Amino acid sequence: MKFYTILSTILLIPLLSVEAQTHSGFSFDLSGSFSPELRFYDDNFGNSSAIHFRGSYFDRDYTRMEYSLQYARGFDSAVSYVAGLSASAVFQVTDKIRIKPGLGIQEFKMADRSCRTTWRTILDSIFDLDDQCSDDVHASFIGFTNLEYQLAEPFSFFLQMSYRTILSSVNKETGTELITGPNGESIESTNYATNHSFYGSGFGFSAGLRIYLWK
């Protein structure tokens, strides 16, 4: 239960009587992150770092939530890139300080051997081809709290703490078999099985700068 207690603490900070940010509009930020422990299935990428690019929109009029698109590079040489979506509540604690607890979902695109193109995967699925290099899939669910300090407008500085869980679908080779081709020749076919697992992947910390483009 320790994991759920920590995650709940991160997400529920704080339940304060504060007013939300007073402007709707877009913002962009650049940040660097550090993960003391980052687990992927049987692999553990300790002390990993990454660069994050994020575009956000704060909707004050209806939901009073901030919605973001994110793209990141780094973590480990086995990771090609990370892309995802997130949503967070916005609490304006003082004129300059905001706290933003939220949730996000991200996909870790692994730097697989020769399966880098999405089109090949789509064609394999449609025509039921024998994909000899199926890529692993890691869907990440992340809870975070962002503490932001407004510098001279339109710039702000922020710190973020997060905890990541991952749903992995990993392709494992189970063996080979000989099948007969259309001309009677013998063809060796490789069989795969997909293993699914859900687990905690570790804490992460990030810091960055944001620029606001108000309405």
N, C-alpha and C. Protein backbone atom coordinates (compact mmCIF):
# COMPACT_ATOMS: atom_id res chain seq x y z
N MET A 1 0.81 -1.21 0.00
CA MET A 1 0.00 0.00 0.00
C MET A 1 0.85 1.26 0.00
N LYS A 2 2.14 1.13 0.22
CA LYS A 2 2.99 2.31 0.27
C LYS A 2 2.96 3.09 -1.04
N PHE A 3 2.97 2.38 -2.17
CA PHE A 3 2.94 3.03 -3.48
C PHE A 3 1.70 3.90 -3.63
N TYR A 4 0.51 3.36 -3.27
CA TYR A 4 -0.74 4.10 -3.44
C TYR A 4 -0.80 5.29 -2.49
N THR A 5 -0.22 5.17 -1.31
CA THR A 5 -0.19 6.30 -0.37
C THR A 5 0.65 7.44 -0.92
N ILE A 6 1.83 7.11 -1.48
CA ILE A 6 2.71 8.13 -2.05
C ILE A 6 2.05 8.80 -3.25
N LEU A 7 1.45 8.00 -4.14
CA LEU A 7 0.82 8.55 -5.33
C LEU A 7 -0.36 9.45 -4.98
N SER A 8 -1.15 9.06 -3.98
CA SER A 8 -2.28 9.89 -3.57
C SER A 8 -1.81 11.21 -2.99
N THR A 9 -0.71 11.18 -2.24
CA THR A 9 -0.17 12.41 -1.68
C THR A 9 0.27 13.37 -2.76
N ILE A 10 0.92 12.83 -3.81
CA ILE A 10 1.37 13.67 -4.92
C ILE A 10 0.19 14.32 -5.63
N LEU A 11 -0.86 13.54 -5.86
CA LEU A 11 -1.96 14.02 -6.69
C LEU A 11 -2.91 14.95 -5.95
N LEU A 12 -3.04 14.82 -4.65
CA LEU A 12 -4.03 15.58 -3.91
C LEU A 12 -3.49 16.84 -3.26
N ILE A 13 -2.24 17.18 -3.48
CA ILE A 13 -1.66 18.42 -2.95
C ILE A 13 -2.08 19.58 -3.84
N PRO A 14 -2.61 20.65 -3.30
CA PRO A 14 -3.22 20.71 -1.98
C PRO A 14 -4.70 20.95 -2.16
N LEU A 15 -5.54 20.70 -1.15
CA LEU A 15 -6.96 21.05 -1.21
C LEU A 15 -7.11 22.36 -0.46
N LEU A 16 -6.80 23.46 -1.11
CA LEU A 16 -6.77 24.78 -0.50
C LEU A 16 -7.88 25.65 -1.06
N SER A 17 -8.27 26.67 -0.31
CA SER A 17 -9.26 27.64 -0.78
C SER A 17 -8.53 28.73 -1.55
N VAL A 18 -8.19 28.43 -2.79
CA VAL A 18 -7.46 29.38 -3.62
C VAL A 18 -8.19 29.54 -4.94
N GLU A 19 -7.98 30.63 -5.63
CA GLU A 19 -8.62 30.88 -6.91
C GLU A 19 -7.71 30.43 -8.04
N ALA A 20 -8.33 30.01 -9.11
CA ALA A 20 -7.57 29.51 -10.25
C ALA A 20 -6.91 30.66 -10.99
N GLN A 21 -5.94 30.30 -11.81
CA GLN A 21 -5.25 31.26 -12.68
C GLN A 21 -6.26 32.12 -13.43
N THR A 22 -5.99 33.40 -13.57
CA THR A 22 -6.99 34.35 -14.06
C THR A 22 -7.01 34.53 -15.57
N HIS A 23 -6.06 33.95 -16.31
CA HIS A 23 -6.01 34.12 -17.76
C HIS A 23 -6.13 32.78 -18.47
N SER A 24 -6.87 32.76 -19.58
CA SER A 24 -6.84 31.62 -20.49
C SER A 24 -5.77 31.88 -21.54
N GLY A 25 -5.20 30.80 -22.10
CA GLY A 25 -4.23 31.00 -23.15
C GLY A 25 -3.26 29.85 -23.28
N PHE A 26 -2.35 29.98 -24.26
CA PHE A 26 -1.37 28.96 -24.56
C PHE A 26 -0.04 29.25 -23.86
N SER A 27 0.72 28.20 -23.67
CA SER A 27 2.08 28.35 -23.13
C SER A 27 2.95 27.23 -23.69
N PHE A 28 4.26 27.49 -23.69
CA PHE A 28 5.24 26.51 -24.15
C PHE A 28 6.37 26.45 -23.14
N ASP A 29 6.90 25.26 -22.92
CA ASP A 29 8.00 25.16 -21.96
C ASP A 29 9.03 24.14 -22.41
N LEU A 30 10.21 24.31 -21.89
CA LEU A 30 11.35 23.43 -22.11
C LEU A 30 11.89 23.05 -20.75
N SER A 31 12.10 21.75 -20.53
CA SER A 31 12.56 21.30 -19.22
C SER A 31 13.50 20.12 -19.35
N GLY A 32 14.24 19.88 -18.29
CA GLY A 32 15.09 18.70 -18.18
C GLY A 32 14.62 17.86 -17.01
N SER A 33 14.66 16.54 -17.16
CA SER A 33 14.19 15.65 -16.10
C SER A 33 15.28 14.67 -15.69
N PHE A 34 15.13 14.16 -14.48
CA PHE A 34 16.06 13.18 -13.95
C PHE A 34 15.27 12.10 -13.24
N SER A 35 15.57 10.84 -13.55
CA SER A 35 14.90 9.70 -12.92
C SER A 35 15.94 8.82 -12.25
N PRO A 36 15.98 8.80 -10.90
CA PRO A 36 16.95 7.94 -10.21
C PRO A 36 16.78 6.47 -10.56
N GLU A 37 15.52 6.08 -10.82
CA GLU A 37 15.23 4.70 -11.21
C GLU A 37 14.15 4.73 -12.28
N LEU A 38 14.37 4.03 -13.38
CA LEU A 38 13.40 3.96 -14.46
C LEU A 38 13.35 2.52 -14.94
N ARG A 39 12.28 1.82 -14.61
CA ARG A 39 12.19 0.39 -14.90
C ARG A 39 11.37 0.15 -16.14
N PHE A 40 11.89 -0.68 -17.05
CA PHE A 40 11.18 -1.15 -18.22
C PHE A 40 11.24 -2.68 -18.24
N TYR A 41 10.16 -3.30 -17.86
CA TYR A 41 10.06 -4.75 -17.86
C TYR A 41 11.21 -5.34 -17.04
N ASP A 42 12.18 -6.01 -17.68
CA ASP A 42 13.30 -6.59 -16.93
C ASP A 42 14.49 -5.65 -16.83
N ASP A 43 14.41 -4.47 -17.46
CA ASP A 43 15.54 -3.55 -17.48
C ASP A 43 15.32 -2.40 -16.50
N ASN A 44 16.41 -1.94 -15.90
CA ASN A 44 16.36 -0.81 -14.98
C ASN A 44 17.37 0.23 -15.44
N PHE A 45 16.87 1.38 -15.91
CA PHE A 45 17.74 2.45 -16.39
C PHE A 45 17.93 3.48 -15.27
N GLY A 46 18.91 3.25 -14.44
CA GLY A 46 19.15 4.15 -13.31
C GLY A 46 19.79 5.45 -13.73
N ASN A 47 19.45 6.54 -12.99
CA ASN A 47 20.04 7.86 -13.21
C ASN A 47 19.90 8.32 -14.66
N SER A 48 18.70 8.20 -15.20
CA SER A 48 18.46 8.61 -16.58
C SER A 48 17.97 10.04 -16.63
N SER A 49 18.26 10.73 -17.73
CA SER A 49 17.85 12.12 -17.92
C SER A 49 17.24 12.28 -19.30
N ALA A 50 16.43 13.35 -19.47
CA ALA A 50 15.77 13.60 -20.75
C ALA A 50 15.46 15.08 -20.89
N ILE A 51 15.24 15.50 -22.13
CA ILE A 51 14.80 16.86 -22.45
C ILE A 51 13.35 16.79 -22.91
N HIS A 52 12.50 17.69 -22.38
CA HIS A 52 11.07 17.68 -22.65
C HIS A 52 10.64 18.99 -23.32
N PHE A 53 9.79 18.86 -24.34
CA PHE A 53 9.15 20.00 -25.00
C PHE A 53 7.65 19.85 -24.79
N ARG A 54 6.98 20.94 -24.34
CA ARG A 54 5.56 20.82 -24.04
C ARG A 54 4.80 22.07 -24.46
N GLY A 55 3.64 21.84 -25.06
CA GLY A 55 2.70 22.92 -25.37
C GLY A 55 1.43 22.72 -24.58
N SER A 56 0.90 23.81 -23.98
CA SER A 56 -0.24 23.69 -23.08
C SER A 56 -1.29 24.75 -23.38
N TYR A 57 -2.52 24.44 -22.98
CA TYR A 57 -3.60 25.42 -23.06
C TYR A 57 -4.37 25.39 -21.75
N PHE A 58 -4.58 26.57 -21.12
CA PHE A 58 -5.35 26.66 -19.89
C PHE A 58 -6.75 27.17 -20.22
N ASP A 59 -7.75 26.38 -19.85
CA ASP A 59 -9.15 26.72 -20.11
C ASP A 59 -9.79 27.24 -18.82
N ARG A 60 -9.79 28.53 -18.65
CA ARG A 60 -10.34 29.13 -17.43
C ARG A 60 -11.86 29.17 -17.45
N ASP A 61 -12.46 29.34 -18.60
CA ASP A 61 -13.89 29.61 -18.69
C ASP A 61 -14.78 28.40 -18.39
N TYR A 62 -14.34 27.19 -18.72
CA TYR A 62 -15.21 26.03 -18.60
C TYR A 62 -14.69 24.99 -17.60
N THR A 63 -13.53 24.44 -17.85
CA THR A 63 -13.04 23.35 -17.00
C THR A 63 -12.05 23.80 -15.94
N ARG A 64 -11.44 24.97 -16.13
CA ARG A 64 -10.37 25.45 -15.24
C ARG A 64 -9.25 24.41 -15.11
N MET A 65 -8.95 23.78 -16.25
CA MET A 65 -7.89 22.78 -16.31
C MET A 65 -6.87 23.20 -17.37
N GLU A 66 -5.65 22.68 -17.22
CA GLU A 66 -4.60 22.90 -18.21
C GLU A 66 -4.36 21.59 -18.95
N TYR A 67 -4.38 21.64 -20.29
CA TYR A 67 -4.19 20.47 -21.13
C TYR A 67 -2.89 20.60 -21.91
N SER A 68 -2.12 19.51 -21.99
CA SER A 68 -0.78 19.60 -22.56
C SER A 68 -0.47 18.46 -23.52
N LEU A 69 0.36 18.78 -24.52
CA LEU A 69 0.98 17.81 -25.41
C LEU A 69 2.48 17.84 -25.13
N GLN A 70 3.10 16.67 -25.06
CA GLN A 70 4.51 16.61 -24.66
C GLN A 70 5.30 15.68 -25.57
N TYR A 71 6.56 16.06 -25.80
CA TYR A 71 7.49 15.24 -26.58
C TYR A 71 8.83 15.28 -25.85
N ALA A 72 9.47 14.13 -25.72
CA ALA A 72 10.72 14.06 -24.97
C ALA A 72 11.72 13.15 -25.67
N ARG A 73 12.99 13.48 -25.51
CA ARG A 73 14.09 12.65 -26.00
C ARG A 73 15.06 12.42 -24.86
N GLY A 74 15.61 11.20 -24.83
CA GLY A 74 16.60 10.90 -23.80
C GLY A 74 16.27 9.60 -23.10
N PHE A 75 16.35 9.59 -21.77
CA PHE A 75 16.10 8.46 -20.90
C PHE A 75 17.16 7.38 -21.06
N ASP A 76 17.28 6.79 -22.25
CA ASP A 76 18.26 5.72 -22.47
C ASP A 76 18.39 5.51 -23.97
N SER A 77 19.50 4.92 -24.39
CA SER A 77 19.71 4.68 -25.82
C SER A 77 18.68 3.69 -26.38
N ALA A 78 18.03 2.92 -25.51
CA ALA A 78 17.01 1.98 -25.97
C ALA A 78 15.68 2.66 -26.27
N VAL A 79 15.53 3.94 -25.87
CA VAL A 79 14.30 4.69 -26.08
C VAL A 79 14.50 5.66 -27.24
N SER A 80 13.63 5.60 -28.25
CA SER A 80 13.72 6.51 -29.37
C SER A 80 13.15 7.88 -29.01
N TYR A 81 11.89 7.90 -28.51
CA TYR A 81 11.28 9.15 -28.07
C TYR A 81 10.09 8.81 -27.18
N VAL A 82 9.56 9.84 -26.53
CA VAL A 82 8.37 9.71 -25.69
C VAL A 82 7.39 10.80 -26.08
N ALA A 83 6.13 10.44 -26.27
CA ALA A 83 5.09 11.41 -26.59
C ALA A 83 3.88 11.14 -25.71
N GLY A 84 3.15 12.21 -25.34
CA GLY A 84 2.01 11.98 -24.47
C GLY A 84 1.11 13.18 -24.28
N LEU A 85 0.04 12.95 -23.49
CA LEU A 85 -0.96 13.95 -23.15
C LEU A 85 -1.07 14.03 -21.65
N SER A 86 -1.47 15.19 -21.13
CA SER A 86 -1.70 15.33 -19.70
C SER A 86 -2.74 16.41 -19.44
N ALA A 87 -3.32 16.36 -18.23
CA ALA A 87 -4.28 17.37 -17.78
C ALA A 87 -4.01 17.64 -16.31
N SER A 88 -4.11 18.90 -15.92
CA SER A 88 -3.84 19.26 -14.54
C SER A 88 -4.76 20.38 -14.08
N ALA A 89 -5.09 20.38 -12.79
CA ALA A 89 -5.81 21.48 -12.18
C ALA A 89 -4.81 22.60 -11.88
N VAL A 90 -5.30 23.84 -11.86
CA VAL A 90 -4.43 25.00 -11.63
C VAL A 90 -4.89 25.74 -10.39
N PHE A 91 -4.04 25.82 -9.37
CA PHE A 91 -4.33 26.56 -8.15
C PHE A 91 -3.40 27.75 -8.04
N GLN A 92 -3.96 28.96 -8.01
CA GLN A 92 -3.18 30.18 -7.88
C GLN A 92 -3.05 30.48 -6.39
N VAL A 93 -1.91 30.10 -5.79
CA VAL A 93 -1.70 30.24 -4.36
C VAL A 93 -1.45 31.70 -3.99
N THR A 94 -0.57 32.36 -4.74
CA THR A 94 -0.31 33.79 -4.57
C THR A 94 -0.27 34.41 -5.96
N ASP A 95 0.05 35.69 -6.03
CA ASP A 95 0.15 36.34 -7.34
C ASP A 95 1.21 35.70 -8.22
N LYS A 96 2.22 35.08 -7.62
CA LYS A 96 3.33 34.54 -8.40
C LYS A 96 3.47 33.03 -8.33
N ILE A 97 2.78 32.37 -7.43
CA ILE A 97 2.97 30.93 -7.23
C ILE A 97 1.72 30.16 -7.63
N ARG A 98 1.92 29.11 -8.45
CA ARG A 98 0.85 28.21 -8.85
C ARG A 98 1.24 26.77 -8.53
N ILE A 99 0.27 25.98 -8.14
CA ILE A 99 0.47 24.55 -7.94
C ILE A 99 -0.48 23.81 -8.88
N LYS A 100 0.08 22.81 -9.61
CA LYS A 100 -0.69 22.12 -10.64
C LYS A 100 -0.57 20.60 -10.48
N PRO A 101 -1.48 19.96 -9.73
CA PRO A 101 -1.49 18.49 -9.68
C PRO A 101 -2.20 17.93 -10.91
N GLY A 102 -1.70 16.84 -11.46
CA GLY A 102 -2.32 16.31 -12.67
C GLY A 102 -1.98 14.87 -12.97
N LEU A 103 -2.52 14.40 -14.07
CA LEU A 103 -2.31 13.04 -14.56
C LEU A 103 -1.97 13.08 -16.05
N GLY A 104 -1.16 12.12 -16.50
CA GLY A 104 -0.81 12.07 -17.91
C GLY A 104 -0.64 10.64 -18.38
N ILE A 105 -0.70 10.47 -19.70
CA ILE A 105 -0.42 9.18 -20.32
C ILE A 105 0.60 9.41 -21.43
N GLN A 106 1.59 8.54 -21.50
CA GLN A 106 2.67 8.69 -22.47
C GLN A 106 3.00 7.34 -23.10
N GLU A 107 3.57 7.40 -24.31
CA GLU A 107 4.04 6.19 -24.98
C GLU A 107 5.55 6.27 -25.15
N PHE A 108 6.22 5.24 -24.70
CA PHE A 108 7.66 5.13 -24.92
C PHE A 108 7.89 4.34 -26.20
N LYS A 109 8.37 5.04 -27.24
CA LYS A 109 8.70 4.36 -28.51
C LYS A 109 10.13 3.87 -28.40
N MET A 110 10.29 2.57 -28.41
CA MET A 110 11.61 1.98 -28.22
C MET A 110 12.39 2.01 -29.54
N ALA A 111 13.70 2.16 -29.42
CA ALA A 111 14.58 2.21 -30.60
C ALA A 111 14.83 0.78 -31.08
N ASP A 112 13.79 0.15 -31.59
CA ASP A 112 13.88 -1.23 -32.03
C ASP A 112 14.79 -1.33 -33.26
N ARG A 113 15.22 -2.53 -33.55
CA ARG A 113 16.27 -2.77 -34.52
C ARG A 113 15.96 -2.15 -35.89
N SER A 114 14.96 -2.68 -36.59
CA SER A 114 14.61 -2.14 -37.89
C SER A 114 13.12 -1.86 -38.00
N CYS A 115 12.45 -1.77 -36.84
CA CYS A 115 11.00 -1.54 -36.81
C CYS A 115 10.69 -0.11 -36.39
N ARG A 116 11.32 0.84 -37.00
CA ARG A 116 11.15 2.23 -36.61
C ARG A 116 9.97 2.89 -37.30
N THR A 117 9.46 2.30 -38.39
CA THR A 117 8.41 2.96 -39.15
C THR A 117 7.04 2.42 -38.76
N THR A 118 6.10 3.33 -38.51
CA THR A 118 4.74 2.92 -38.15
C THR A 118 4.05 2.24 -39.31
N TRP A 119 4.36 2.67 -40.55
CA TRP A 119 3.68 2.10 -41.72
C TRP A 119 3.91 0.60 -41.83
N ARG A 120 5.10 0.15 -41.50
CA ARG A 120 5.36 -1.29 -41.59
C ARG A 120 4.49 -2.06 -40.61
N THR A 121 4.33 -1.52 -39.40
CA THR A 121 3.51 -2.18 -38.40
C THR A 121 2.05 -2.23 -38.85
N ILE A 122 1.56 -1.13 -39.44
CA ILE A 122 0.17 -1.07 -39.92
C ILE A 122 -0.05 -2.12 -41.01
N LEU A 123 0.87 -2.20 -41.98
CA LEU A 123 0.73 -3.16 -43.08
C LEU A 123 0.78 -4.59 -42.57
N ASP A 124 1.66 -4.84 -41.58
CA ASP A 124 1.74 -6.18 -41.02
C ASP A 124 0.42 -6.58 -40.37
N SER A 125 -0.24 -5.62 -39.70
CA SER A 125 -1.49 -5.91 -39.02
C SER A 125 -2.62 -6.14 -40.03
N ILE A 126 -2.67 -5.33 -41.09
CA ILE A 126 -3.74 -5.44 -42.07
C ILE A 126 -3.65 -6.74 -42.85
N PHE A 127 -2.44 -7.07 -43.31
CA PHE A 127 -2.27 -8.22 -44.18
C PHE A 127 -1.79 -9.48 -43.45
N ASP A 128 -1.71 -9.39 -42.10
CA ASP A 128 -1.34 -10.54 -41.28
C ASP A 128 0.00 -11.13 -41.73
N LEU A 129 0.96 -10.26 -41.93
CA LEU A 129 2.29 -10.69 -42.34
C LEU A 129 3.08 -11.20 -41.14
N ASP A 130 4.13 -11.92 -41.41
CA ASP A 130 5.00 -12.41 -40.35
C ASP A 130 6.01 -11.32 -40.01
N ASP A 131 5.75 -10.58 -38.95
CA ASP A 131 6.63 -9.49 -38.54
C ASP A 131 7.80 -10.06 -37.75
N GLN A 132 8.98 -10.04 -38.34
CA GLN A 132 10.14 -10.64 -37.71
C GLN A 132 10.79 -9.75 -36.65
N CYS A 133 10.31 -8.51 -36.53
CA CYS A 133 10.95 -7.62 -35.55
C CYS A 133 9.88 -6.77 -34.85
N SER A 134 8.92 -7.43 -34.24
CA SER A 134 7.86 -6.73 -33.52
C SER A 134 8.45 -5.86 -32.42
N ASP A 135 7.99 -4.60 -32.36
CA ASP A 135 8.50 -3.66 -31.37
C ASP A 135 7.75 -3.84 -30.06
N ASP A 136 8.46 -3.64 -28.95
CA ASP A 136 7.82 -3.65 -27.66
C ASP A 136 7.06 -2.34 -27.45
N VAL A 137 6.00 -2.38 -26.64
CA VAL A 137 5.19 -1.21 -26.37
C VAL A 137 5.17 -0.96 -24.86
N HIS A 138 5.46 0.28 -24.46
CA HIS A 138 5.42 0.67 -23.06
C HIS A 138 4.53 1.90 -22.92
N ALA A 139 3.32 1.70 -22.38
CA ALA A 139 2.41 2.82 -22.13
C ALA A 139 2.60 3.27 -20.68
N SER A 140 2.86 4.55 -20.49
CA SER A 140 3.18 5.08 -19.18
C SER A 140 2.04 5.94 -18.65
N PHE A 141 1.68 5.72 -17.39
CA PHE A 141 0.69 6.54 -16.69
C PHE A 141 1.42 7.29 -15.58
N ILE A 142 1.30 8.62 -15.58
CA ILE A 142 2.13 9.42 -14.69
C ILE A 142 1.28 10.38 -13.88
N GLY A 143 1.51 10.41 -12.58
CA GLY A 143 0.91 11.39 -11.70
C GLY A 143 1.97 12.40 -11.29
N PHE A 144 1.62 13.68 -11.26
CA PHE A 144 2.64 14.70 -11.01
C PHE A 144 2.06 15.90 -10.27
N THR A 145 2.96 16.65 -9.63
CA THR A 145 2.63 17.94 -9.05
C THR A 145 3.67 18.95 -9.52
N ASN A 146 3.19 20.04 -10.08
CA ASN A 146 4.04 21.08 -10.65
C ASN A 146 3.95 22.33 -9.78
N LEU A 147 5.09 22.83 -9.32
CA LEU A 147 5.16 24.07 -8.55
C LEU A 147 5.79 25.13 -9.43
N GLU A 148 5.03 26.18 -9.74
CA GLU A 148 5.46 27.18 -10.71
C GLU A 148 5.57 28.56 -10.08
N TYR A 149 6.64 29.26 -10.41
CA TYR A 149 6.86 30.61 -9.91
C TYR A 149 6.92 31.59 -11.09
N GLN A 150 6.06 32.61 -11.06
CA GLN A 150 5.99 33.58 -12.14
C GLN A 150 7.14 34.57 -12.05
N LEU A 151 7.99 34.58 -13.07
CA LEU A 151 9.05 35.57 -13.16
C LEU A 151 8.46 36.82 -13.83
N ALA A 152 9.30 37.66 -14.40
CA ALA A 152 8.80 38.79 -15.17
C ALA A 152 7.98 38.25 -16.33
N GLU A 153 6.72 38.68 -16.44
CA GLU A 153 5.85 38.17 -17.50
C GLU A 153 6.49 38.40 -18.87
N PRO A 154 6.34 37.39 -19.74
CA PRO A 154 5.47 36.20 -19.68
C PRO A 154 6.20 34.93 -19.26
N PHE A 155 7.29 35.03 -18.53
CA PHE A 155 8.12 33.87 -18.21
C PHE A 155 7.86 33.36 -16.80
N SER A 156 8.01 32.06 -16.62
CA SER A 156 7.91 31.45 -15.30
C SER A 156 8.90 30.30 -15.20
N PHE A 157 9.22 29.93 -13.98
CA PHE A 157 10.12 28.81 -13.68
C PHE A 157 9.32 27.78 -12.90
N PHE A 158 9.55 26.48 -13.18
CA PHE A 158 8.78 25.45 -12.48
C PHE A 158 9.64 24.26 -12.09
N LEU A 159 9.19 23.61 -11.03
CA LEU A 159 9.74 22.34 -10.56
C LEU A 159 8.61 21.32 -10.56
N GLN A 160 8.94 20.09 -10.92
CA GLN A 160 7.91 19.06 -10.99
C GLN A 160 8.40 17.76 -10.38
N MET A 161 7.53 17.13 -9.60
CA MET A 161 7.79 15.80 -9.04
C MET A 161 6.73 14.87 -9.58
N SER A 162 7.12 13.66 -9.98
CA SER A 162 6.18 12.74 -10.59
C SER A 162 6.46 11.30 -10.16
N TYR A 163 5.45 10.46 -10.35
CA TYR A 163 5.63 9.02 -10.18
C TYR A 163 5.03 8.33 -11.39
N ARG A 164 5.76 7.39 -11.95
CA ARG A 164 5.38 6.75 -13.21
C ARG A 164 5.05 5.27 -13.00
N THR A 165 3.92 4.85 -13.60
CA THR A 165 3.62 3.42 -13.73
C THR A 165 3.61 3.08 -15.22
N ILE A 166 3.85 1.82 -15.53
CA ILE A 166 3.97 1.42 -16.94
C ILE A 166 3.21 0.12 -17.19
N LEU A 167 2.48 0.12 -18.30
CA LEU A 167 1.86 -1.10 -18.83
C LEU A 167 2.69 -1.54 -20.02
N SER A 168 3.37 -2.67 -19.89
CA SER A 168 4.28 -3.15 -20.93
C SER A 168 3.67 -4.31 -21.70
N SER A 169 3.90 -4.28 -23.01
CA SER A 169 3.57 -5.40 -23.88
C SER A 169 4.86 -5.78 -24.60
N VAL A 170 5.48 -6.85 -24.16
CA VAL A 170 6.81 -7.23 -24.62
C VAL A 170 6.72 -8.51 -25.43
N ASN A 171 7.28 -8.48 -26.64
CA ASN A 171 7.28 -9.65 -27.52
C ASN A 171 8.48 -10.54 -27.20
N LYS A 172 8.20 -11.79 -26.91
CA LYS A 172 9.25 -12.76 -26.59
C LYS A 172 9.23 -13.89 -27.63
N GLU A 173 10.41 -14.26 -28.10
CA GLU A 173 10.51 -15.37 -29.05
C GLU A 173 10.29 -16.69 -28.31
N THR A 174 9.36 -17.49 -28.83
CA THR A 174 9.05 -18.77 -28.18
C THR A 174 9.60 -19.97 -28.92
N GLY A 175 10.11 -19.74 -30.12
CA GLY A 175 10.67 -20.86 -30.86
C GLY A 175 10.49 -20.67 -32.36
N THR A 176 10.98 -21.62 -33.12
CA THR A 176 10.86 -21.58 -34.58
C THR A 176 10.23 -22.88 -35.10
N GLU A 177 9.68 -22.79 -36.28
CA GLU A 177 9.12 -23.97 -36.92
C GLU A 177 9.28 -23.86 -38.42
N LEU A 178 9.31 -25.00 -39.08
CA LEU A 178 9.42 -25.03 -40.54
C LEU A 178 8.03 -25.15 -41.15
N ILE A 179 7.74 -24.25 -42.08
CA ILE A 179 6.47 -24.29 -42.78
C ILE A 179 6.74 -24.46 -44.28
N THR A 180 5.78 -24.97 -45.00
CA THR A 180 5.94 -25.22 -46.42
C THR A 180 5.46 -24.01 -47.21
N GLY A 181 6.33 -23.49 -48.09
CA GLY A 181 6.00 -22.33 -48.89
C GLY A 181 5.13 -22.70 -50.08
N PRO A 182 4.71 -21.69 -50.84
CA PRO A 182 3.81 -21.94 -51.99
C PRO A 182 4.44 -22.82 -53.07
N ASN A 183 5.76 -22.87 -53.16
CA ASN A 183 6.44 -23.68 -54.17
C ASN A 183 6.99 -24.98 -53.59
N GLY A 184 6.55 -25.32 -52.38
CA GLY A 184 6.99 -26.55 -51.76
C GLY A 184 8.28 -26.42 -50.98
N GLU A 185 8.84 -25.21 -50.93
CA GLU A 185 10.08 -25.04 -50.18
C GLU A 185 9.80 -24.92 -48.69
N SER A 186 10.81 -25.23 -47.88
CA SER A 186 10.69 -25.13 -46.42
C SER A 186 11.13 -23.74 -45.98
N ILE A 187 10.31 -23.08 -45.17
CA ILE A 187 10.60 -21.74 -44.68
C ILE A 187 10.58 -21.77 -43.15
N GLU A 188 11.61 -21.23 -42.55
CA GLU A 188 11.67 -21.18 -41.09
C GLU A 188 10.89 -19.96 -40.60
N SER A 189 9.93 -20.20 -39.73
CA SER A 189 9.09 -19.13 -39.17
C SER A 189 9.36 -19.02 -37.67
N THR A 190 9.49 -17.78 -37.19
CA THR A 190 9.71 -17.54 -35.77
C THR A 190 8.40 -17.23 -35.07
N ASN A 191 8.15 -17.89 -33.96
CA ASN A 191 6.92 -17.69 -33.19
C ASN A 191 7.20 -16.74 -32.01
N TYR A 192 6.24 -15.84 -31.75
CA TYR A 192 6.37 -14.89 -30.65
C TYR A 192 5.15 -14.99 -29.73
N ALA A 193 5.38 -14.64 -28.48
CA ALA A 193 4.28 -14.50 -27.51
C ALA A 193 4.43 -13.12 -26.88
N THR A 194 3.31 -12.46 -26.59
CA THR A 194 3.34 -11.13 -25.99
C THR A 194 3.04 -11.23 -24.50
N ASN A 195 3.97 -10.73 -23.70
CA ASN A 195 3.80 -10.72 -22.25
C ASN A 195 3.35 -9.34 -21.79
N HIS A 196 2.25 -9.27 -21.04
CA HIS A 196 1.73 -8.01 -20.53
C HIS A 196 2.01 -7.91 -19.03
N SER A 197 2.40 -6.73 -18.57
CA SER A 197 2.63 -6.53 -17.14
C SER A 197 2.43 -5.06 -16.78
N PHE A 198 1.99 -4.82 -15.55
CA PHE A 198 1.76 -3.46 -15.05
C PHE A 198 2.55 -3.31 -13.76
N TYR A 199 3.33 -2.23 -13.65
CA TYR A 199 4.24 -2.10 -12.51
C TYR A 199 4.60 -0.64 -12.29
N GLY A 200 5.09 -0.34 -11.09
CA GLY A 200 5.61 0.98 -10.78
C GLY A 200 7.01 1.13 -11.34
N SER A 201 7.27 2.28 -11.99
CA SER A 201 8.55 2.47 -12.67
C SER A 201 9.48 3.43 -11.94
N GLY A 202 8.96 4.23 -10.99
CA GLY A 202 9.84 5.09 -10.22
C GLY A 202 9.49 6.57 -10.27
N PHE A 203 10.15 7.32 -9.37
CA PHE A 203 9.95 8.76 -9.28
C PHE A 203 10.76 9.49 -10.34
N GLY A 204 10.32 10.70 -10.65
CA GLY A 204 11.06 11.57 -11.56
C GLY A 204 11.00 13.00 -11.08
N PHE A 205 12.01 13.78 -11.42
CA PHE A 205 12.09 15.18 -11.03
C PHE A 205 12.49 16.00 -12.26
N SER A 206 11.88 17.17 -12.41
CA SER A 206 12.22 18.00 -13.57
C SER A 206 12.15 19.47 -13.18
N ALA A 207 12.82 20.29 -13.98
CA ALA A 207 12.82 21.74 -13.81
C ALA A 207 12.90 22.37 -15.19
N GLY A 208 12.24 23.54 -15.35
CA GLY A 208 12.27 24.16 -16.66
C GLY A 208 11.73 25.57 -16.66
N LEU A 209 11.71 26.17 -17.85
CA LEU A 209 11.21 27.52 -18.07
C LEU A 209 10.01 27.48 -19.00
N ARG A 210 9.03 28.36 -18.74
CA ARG A 210 7.80 28.42 -19.53
C ARG A 210 7.55 29.84 -19.99
N ILE A 211 7.00 29.97 -21.20
CA ILE A 211 6.58 31.26 -21.73
C ILE A 211 5.08 31.21 -22.00
N TYR A 212 4.35 32.24 -21.57
CA TYR A 212 2.89 32.30 -21.73
C TYR A 212 2.53 33.19 -22.91
N LEU A 213 1.53 32.73 -23.67
CA LEU A 213 0.95 33.52 -24.75
C LEU A 213 -0.51 33.74 -24.40
N TRP A 214 -0.79 34.80 -23.67
CA TRP A 214 -2.14 35.03 -23.16
C TRP A 214 -3.09 35.40 -24.29
N LYS A 215 -4.39 35.15 -24.07
CA LYS A 215 -5.42 35.60 -25.00
C LYS A 215 -5.48 37.11 -24.98
